[in-house]
PDB file of N, CA and C in Angstrom:
ATOM      1  N   MET A   1     -13.339   5.099  14.268  1.00  0.00           N
ATOM      2  CA  MET A   1     -12.851   5.769  13.081  1.00  0.00           C
ATOM      3  C   MET A   1     -11.617   6.602  13.398  1.00  0.00           C
ATOM      4  N   GLY A   2     -11.610   7.236  14.539  1.00  0.00           N
ATOM      5  CA  GLY A   2     -10.488   8.095  14.911  1.00  0.00           C
ATOM      6  C   GLY A   2      -9.168   7.349  14.965  1.00  0.00           C
ATOM      7  N   GLN A   3      -9.170   6.153  15.540  1.00  0.00           N
ATOM      8  CA  GLN A   3      -7.938   5.374  15.625  1.00  0.00           C
ATOM      9  C   GLN A   3      -7.481   4.911  14.248  1.00  0.00           C
ATOM     10  N   ALA A   4      -8.421   4.581  13.385  1.00  0.00           N
ATOM     11  CA  ALA A   4      -8.070   4.177  12.021  1.00  0.00           C
ATOM     12  C   ALA A   4      -7.391   5.327  11.284  1.00  0.00           C
ATOM     13  N   GLU A   5      -7.915   6.523  11.459  1.00  0.00           N
ATOM     14  CA  GLU A   5      -7.313   7.693  10.818  1.00  0.00           C
ATOM     15  C   GLU A   5      -5.922   7.978  11.372  1.00  0.00           C
ATOM     16  N   GLN A   6      -5.745   7.817  12.679  1.00  0.00           N
ATOM     17  CA  GLN A   6      -4.423   8.019  13.279  1.00  0.00           C
ATOM     18  C   GLN A   6      -3.420   6.999  12.743  1.00  0.00           C
ATOM     19  N   TRP A   7      -3.825   5.747  12.676  1.00  0.00           N
ATOM     20  CA  TRP A   7      -2.958   4.689  12.166  1.00  0.00           C
ATOM     21  C   TRP A   7      -2.584   4.963  10.711  1.00  0.00           C
ATOM     22  N   PHE A   8      -3.574   5.325   9.900  1.00  0.00           N
ATOM     23  CA  PHE A   8      -3.344   5.635   8.491  1.00  0.00           C
ATOM     24  C   PHE A   8      -2.360   6.795   8.360  1.00  0.00           C
ATOM     25  N   HIS A   9      -2.569   7.841   9.123  1.00  0.00           N
ATOM     26  CA  HIS A   9      -1.687   9.014   9.070  1.00  0.00           C
ATOM     27  C   HIS A   9      -0.260   8.630   9.468  1.00  0.00           C
ATOM     28  N   ALA A  10      -0.117   7.813  10.515  1.00  0.00           N
ATOM     29  CA  ALA A  10       1.218   7.387  10.957  1.00  0.00           C
ATOM     30  C   ALA A  10       1.923   6.588   9.859  1.00  0.00           C
ATOM     31  N   LEU A  11       1.198   5.716   9.191  1.00  0.00           N
ATOM     32  CA  LEU A  11       1.800   4.939   8.103  1.00  0.00           C
ATOM     33  C   LEU A  11       2.232   5.842   6.957  1.00  0.00           C
ATOM     34  N   ARG A  12       1.357   6.743   6.559  1.00  0.00           N
ATOM     35  CA  ARG A  12       1.675   7.629   5.434  1.00  0.00           C
ATOM     36  C   ARG A  12       2.827   8.560   5.764  1.00  0.00           C
ATOM     37  N   THR A  13       2.909   9.015   7.010  1.00  0.00           N
ATOM     38  CA  THR A  13       4.002   9.886   7.436  1.00  0.00           C
ATOM     39  C   THR A  13       5.347   9.187   7.277  1.00  0.00           C
ATOM     40  N   ARG A  14       5.332   7.865   7.408  1.00  0.00           N
ATOM     41  CA  ARG A  14       6.554   7.070   7.290  1.00  0.00           C
ATOM     42  C   ARG A  14       6.724   6.472   5.887  1.00  0.00           C
ATOM     43  N   ASP A  15       5.988   7.031   4.934  1.00  0.00           N
ATOM     44  CA  ASP A  15       6.046   6.599   3.529  1.00  0.00           C
ATOM     45  C   ASP A  15       5.704   5.133   3.319  1.00  0.00           C
ATOM     46  N   VAL A  16       4.830   4.597   4.173  1.00  0.00           N
ATOM     47  CA  VAL A  16       4.339   3.235   3.996  1.00  0.00           C
ATOM     48  C   VAL A  16       3.113   3.308   3.085  1.00  0.00           C
ATOM     49  N   PRO A  17       3.112   2.553   1.986  1.00  0.00           N
ATOM     50  CA  PRO A  17       1.938   2.585   1.121  1.00  0.00           C
ATOM     51  C   PRO A  17       0.719   2.060   1.887  1.00  0.00           C
ATOM     52  N   ALA A  18      -0.316   2.855   1.959  1.00  0.00           N
ATOM     53  CA  ALA A  18      -1.498   2.460   2.724  1.00  0.00           C
ATOM     54  C   ALA A  18      -2.747   3.094   2.111  1.00  0.00           C
ATOM     55  N   ARG A  19      -3.865   2.423   2.335  1.00  0.00           N
ATOM     56  CA  ARG A  19      -5.169   2.958   1.927  1.00  0.00           C
ATOM     57  C   ARG A  19      -6.091   2.884   3.127  1.00  0.00           C
ATOM     58  N   LEU A  20      -6.858   3.909   3.318  1.00  0.00           N
ATOM     59  CA  LEU A  20      -7.877   3.908   4.360  1.00  0.00           C
ATOM     60  C   LEU A  20      -9.213   3.651   3.674  1.00  0.00           C
ATOM     61  N   VAL A  21      -9.807   2.524   3.978  1.00  0.00           N
ATOM     62  CA  VAL A  21     -11.093   2.155   3.388  1.00  0.00           C
ATOM     63  C   VAL A  21     -12.136   2.167   4.495  1.00  0.00           C
ATOM     64  N   VAL A  22     -13.196   2.907   4.289  1.00  0.00           N
ATOM     65  CA  VAL A  22     -14.255   3.021   5.285  1.00  0.00           C
ATOM     66  C   VAL A  22     -15.518   2.377   4.722  1.00  0.00           C
ATOM     67  N   TYR A  23     -16.062   1.469   5.501  1.00  0.00           N
ATOM     68  CA  TYR A  23     -17.324   0.826   5.129  1.00  0.00           C
ATOM     69  C   TYR A  23     -18.410   1.435   6.010  1.00  0.00           C
ATOM     70  N   PRO A  24     -19.205   2.346   5.463  1.00  0.00           N
ATOM     71  CA  PRO A  24     -20.207   3.062   6.257  1.00  0.00           C
ATOM     72  C   PRO A  24     -21.156   2.117   6.994  1.00  0.00           C
ATOM     73  N   GLY A  25     -21.388   2.432   8.249  1.00  0.00           N
ATOM     74  CA  GLY A  25     -22.328   1.672   9.058  1.00  0.00           C
ATOM     75  C   GLY A  25     -21.801   0.340   9.558  1.00  0.00           C
ATOM     76  N   SER A  26     -20.527   0.075   9.337  1.00  0.00           N
ATOM     77  CA  SER A  26     -19.969  -1.219   9.733  1.00  0.00           C
ATOM     78  C   SER A  26     -19.252  -1.130  11.078  1.00  0.00           C
ATOM     79  N   SER A  27     -19.190  -2.284  11.744  1.00  0.00           N
ATOM     80  CA  SER A  27     -18.457  -2.380  13.004  1.00  0.00           C
ATOM     81  C   SER A  27     -17.220  -3.240  12.775  1.00  0.00           C
ATOM     82  N   HIS A  28     -16.485  -3.507  13.846  1.00  0.00           N
ATOM     83  CA  HIS A  28     -15.318  -4.377  13.741  1.00  0.00           C
ATOM     84  C   HIS A  28     -15.691  -5.793  13.317  1.00  0.00           C
ATOM     85  N   LEU A  29     -16.920  -6.155  13.494  1.00  0.00           N
ATOM     86  CA  LEU A  29     -17.371  -7.508  13.156  1.00  0.00           C
ATOM     87  C   LEU A  29     -17.972  -7.599  11.754  1.00  0.00           C
ATOM     88  N   PHE A  30     -17.706  -6.608  10.906  1.00  0.00           N
ATOM     89  CA  PHE A  30     -18.364  -6.605   9.603  1.00  0.00           C
ATOM     90  C   PHE A  30     -18.010  -7.828   8.769  1.00  0.00           C
ATOM     91  N   LEU A  31     -16.886  -8.465   9.038  1.00  0.00           N
ATOM     92  CA  LEU A  31     -16.536  -9.672   8.279  1.00  0.00           C
ATOM     93  C   LEU A  31     -17.490 -10.821   8.576  1.00  0.00           C
ATOM     94  N   LEU A  32     -18.142 -10.770   9.723  1.00  0.00           N
ATOM     95  CA  LEU A  32     -19.085 -11.817  10.094  1.00  0.00           C
ATOM     96  C   LEU A  32     -20.527 -11.464   9.761  1.00  0.00           C
ATOM     97  N   ASP A  33     -20.881 -10.193   9.989  1.00  0.00           N
ATOM     98  CA  ASP A  33     -22.286  -9.836   9.828  1.00  0.00           C
ATOM     99  C   ASP A  33     -22.528  -8.572   9.008  1.00  0.00           C
ATOM    100  N   GLY A  34     -21.504  -8.115   8.294  1.00  0.00           N
ATOM    101  CA  GLY A  34     -21.654  -6.902   7.500  1.00  0.00           C
ATOM    102  C   GLY A  34     -22.303  -7.157   6.156  1.00  0.00           C
ATOM    103  N   ARG A  35     -22.490  -6.103   5.426  1.00  0.00           N
ATOM    104  CA  ARG A  35     -23.084  -6.217   4.096  1.00  0.00           C
ATOM    105  C   ARG A  35     -22.207  -7.098   3.211  1.00  0.00           C
ATOM    106  N   PRO A  36     -22.799  -7.965   2.423  1.00  0.00           N
ATOM    107  CA  PRO A  36     -22.013  -8.834   1.542  1.00  0.00           C
ATOM    108  C   PRO A  36     -21.079  -8.050   0.619  1.00  0.00           C
ATOM    109  N   SER A  37     -21.514  -6.909   0.136  1.00  0.00           N
ATOM    110  CA  SER A  37     -20.661  -6.125  -0.765  1.00  0.00           C
ATOM    111  C   SER A  37     -19.418  -5.613  -0.037  1.00  0.00           C
ATOM    112  N   HIS A  38     -19.544  -5.277   1.254  1.00  0.00           N
ATOM    113  CA  HIS A  38     -18.390  -4.830   2.034  1.00  0.00           C
ATOM    114  C   HIS A  38     -17.430  -5.981   2.266  1.00  0.00           C
ATOM    115  N   ARG A  39     -17.976  -7.140   2.593  1.00  0.00           N
ATOM    116  CA  ARG A  39     -17.135  -8.311   2.841  1.00  0.00           C
ATOM    117  C   ARG A  39     -16.408  -8.730   1.565  1.00  0.00           C
ATOM    118  N   GLU A  40     -17.111  -8.678   0.458  1.00  0.00           N
ATOM    119  CA  GLU A  40     -16.486  -9.028  -0.824  1.00  0.00           C
ATOM    120  C   GLU A  40     -15.364  -8.047  -1.172  1.00  0.00           C
ATOM    121  N   ASP A  41     -15.620  -6.768  -0.986  1.00  0.00           N
ATOM    122  CA  ASP A  41     -14.608  -5.752  -1.278  1.00  0.00           C
ATOM    123  C   ASP A  41     -13.384  -5.949  -0.387  1.00  0.00           C
ATOM    124  N   TYR A  42     -13.607  -6.176   0.891  1.00  0.00           N
ATOM    125  CA  TYR A  42     -12.495  -6.400   1.827  1.00  0.00           C
ATOM    126  C   TYR A  42     -11.668  -7.609   1.397  1.00  0.00           C
ATOM    127  N   SER A  43     -12.337  -8.700   1.057  1.00  0.00           N
ATOM    128  CA  SER A  43     -11.637  -9.922   0.649  1.00  0.00           C
ATOM    129  C   SER A  43     -10.815  -9.694  -0.614  1.00  0.00           C
ATOM    130  N   ARG A  44     -11.388  -8.992  -1.565  1.00  0.00           N
ATOM    131  CA  ARG A  44     -10.672  -8.692  -2.805  1.00  0.00           C
ATOM    132  C   ARG A  44      -9.430  -7.858  -2.529  1.00  0.00           C
ATOM    133  N   ARG A  45      -9.590  -6.836  -1.686  1.00  0.00           N
ATOM    134  CA  ARG A  45      -8.442  -5.980  -1.345  1.00  0.00           C
ATOM    135  C   ARG A  45      -7.363  -6.760  -0.608  1.00  0.00           C
ATOM    136  N   LEU A  46      -7.770  -7.653   0.272  1.00  0.00           N
ATOM    137  CA  LEU A  46      -6.818  -8.457   1.028  1.00  0.00           C
ATOM    138  C   LEU A  46      -6.016  -9.371   0.099  1.00  0.00           C
ATOM    139  N   VAL A  47      -6.698 -10.033  -0.816  1.00  0.00           N
ATOM    140  CA  VAL A  47      -6.005 -10.906  -1.767  1.00  0.00           C
ATOM    141  C   VAL A  47      -5.039 -10.091  -2.630  1.00  0.00           C
ATOM    142  N   GLU A  48      -5.462  -8.929  -3.095  1.00  0.00           N
ATOM    143  CA  GLU A  48      -4.585  -8.070  -3.895  1.00  0.00           C
ATOM    144  C   GLU A  48      -3.340  -7.680  -3.114  1.00  0.00           C
ATOM    145  N   TRP A  49      -3.511  -7.319  -1.831  1.00  0.00           N
ATOM    146  CA  TRP A  49      -2.379  -6.894  -1.001  1.00  0.00           C
ATOM    147  C   TRP A  49      -1.401  -8.049  -0.803  1.00  0.00           C
ATOM    148  N   VAL A  50      -1.919  -9.226  -0.462  1.00  0.00           N
ATOM    149  CA  VAL A  50      -1.052 -10.388  -0.231  1.00  0.00           C
ATOM    150  C   VAL A  50      -0.315 -10.753  -1.510  1.00  0.00           C
ATOM    151  N   THR A  51      -1.017 -10.750  -2.626  1.00  0.00           N
ATOM    152  CA  THR A  51      -0.395 -11.075  -3.907  1.00  0.00           C
ATOM    153  C   THR A  51       0.721 -10.082  -4.233  1.00  0.00           C
ATOM    154  N   MET A  52       0.458  -8.805  -4.033  1.00  0.00           N
ATOM    155  CA  MET A  52       1.453  -7.779  -4.348  1.00  0.00           C
ATOM    156  C   MET A  52       2.679  -7.883  -3.439  1.00  0.00           C
ATOM    157  N   HIS A  53       2.483  -8.180  -2.179  1.00  0.00           N
ATOM    158  CA  HIS A  53       3.590  -8.145  -1.222  1.00  0.00           C
ATOM    159  C   HIS A  53       4.270  -9.500  -1.015  1.00  0.00           C
ATOM    160  N   THR A  54       3.817 -10.519  -1.725  1.00  0.00           N
ATOM    161  CA  THR A  54       4.502 -11.808  -1.633  1.00  0.00           C
ATOM    162  C   THR A  54       5.106 -12.179  -2.988  1.00  0.00           C
ATOM    163  N   ASN A  55       5.128 -11.223  -3.906  1.00  0.00           N
ATOM    164  CA  ASN A  55       5.741 -11.421  -5.231  1.00  0.00           C
ATOM    165  C   ASN A  55       5.187 -12.626  -5.963  1.00  0.00           C
ATOM    166  N   ARG A  56       3.883 -12.800  -5.937  1.00  0.00           N
ATOM    167  CA  ARG A  56       3.266 -13.910  -6.657  1.00  0.00           C
ATOM    168  C   ARG A  56       2.679 -13.439  -7.951  1.00  0.00           C
TER     169      ARG A  56
END
């Protein structure tokens, strides 16, 4: 969590639009074995980000 917060802070300090999303109780492997609701939320956010930043 500490490194995620540092990365988020560094991005925001440089005026990079960023969101810090924390999935409680999850590890780095949550995409494989995490709660379905967390995986669904992550996937939705990823698609939204790609769509927004590729002008589609």
